[in-house]
Amino acid sequence: MLATPNKPRILVVEDELIVARDIAQQLLELGYQPVASTNTGEQAIVLALQHKPKLVLMDIQLAGAMDGIEAARQIRAQMDVPVVFLTAFSANDVLSRAKLAEPFGYILKPFSERELSTVLAMALYKHQADAKLRSTTRQLQALSQRVLELQEQERRRIALELHDELGQALTAIKINLQIGEKFKEQAPPNLYADNLRIVENALQQVRTLAMALRPSMLDDLGLAPALKWMAEQSASRSGFAARVHQERTLGRLAPDIETACFRIAQEALTNISRYAKASQVDIELRRDGADLLLQVSDDGVGFDPAAMCERASNGSSVGVLGMQERAALLGGQLSLTSAPGKGTTVLLRCPWRAQPPRP
């Protein structure tokens, strides 16, 4: 049997050849593609590995030493292919053994075409839902792990800043004060000015540290000025030119939207600085009907979006997962458009909400 594109492929494992042919005909009429059939469990495993079907219809009583339950268990273990048992056996002991193979359906012979159609549709849907759930779980686990790692990195960085910068400044002030107290009138004349300079530097270090954690202008002035400041900072460090375009009538947005947009743009700019080798970066913030659009584009080296999505689904690209998670929490969507040598565009679309009036 030859597979037909876009039709779910079904492997038929049936003890009786005539019944197998009848099932194959019903599958064709229902819009499925029977890719092969066999009457032994051993051959069923070989055919499943060869054809990679979307589902296996499995009789329990088969020719050969291996029955359908054991064949189904091995197929599920090796390929994660859903199996539907199609058999005349309904004894409790058989059903108990069949459950161990984690089947996605169980049809007793004789059956109608409608019964077959319903069970197949539900089995394929359930398998797809389970696969999506497992993928989402893996992504969340990877994202949670990465969040914990970033928290520790940030705490370590802040601890070093406090110890190396502020700690040294405070120690210098303490020494100067001790010198002034000890020598009093004989203290160096510039001791007071030196203390002022050290305090001034310490205050600047505190401001820099606070801005790195969360820029105050995001709360005080809004998203657009914060994006402009961040783009200028990234551009000066990485050597690209940056432009920020904003609709003048946009106004202040809800705090959660401003924070999410800022962090998504921050992650996009970080990726551009690390990987893109871009010379021009454009950030656009505008309203589109009831939606807010945030777009970050660069003219860098680009990448393969399919490979990136695969890495993200496996939890290997947690930056993308983080942006997607922030977009989802806003009820929006995040899309990545890129191609090797064609640059990259990150687009966030989410419901537009203005900042609520202050009481």
Foldseek 3Di string as FASTA:
>chain_A
DDDDPPAFEEEEAAADPVVSVVVQVLCVVLRHHHPYYYQDLVVSLVVCVVVVGQEYEAEQDGPDDHGRQVSLQVCCVPRVHAYEYEYQDDDPVVVVSNVVSVHQYYHHPPDDSVVVSVSVVSSSVVSVVVVVVVLVVLLVVLLVVVVVVVVVVLVVVVVCLCCVQVVVLVVLLVVLVVQCVVVVVPRDPCSVVVNVVSVVSNVVSVQVSVVVVPNVCCVVPHQQVLLVVLQVVLCVVQVAAEEEAEDPPQAHFASLVSVLLSLLSNLVSVCCSVPFSFRYWYWYWYDDVQKIKIKIWTQGQWDDVVVVVVCSSNSNCSSVVVNQVSLVVQVWGWDWDTDGRGTIMIMIIHGTGHYDDDD
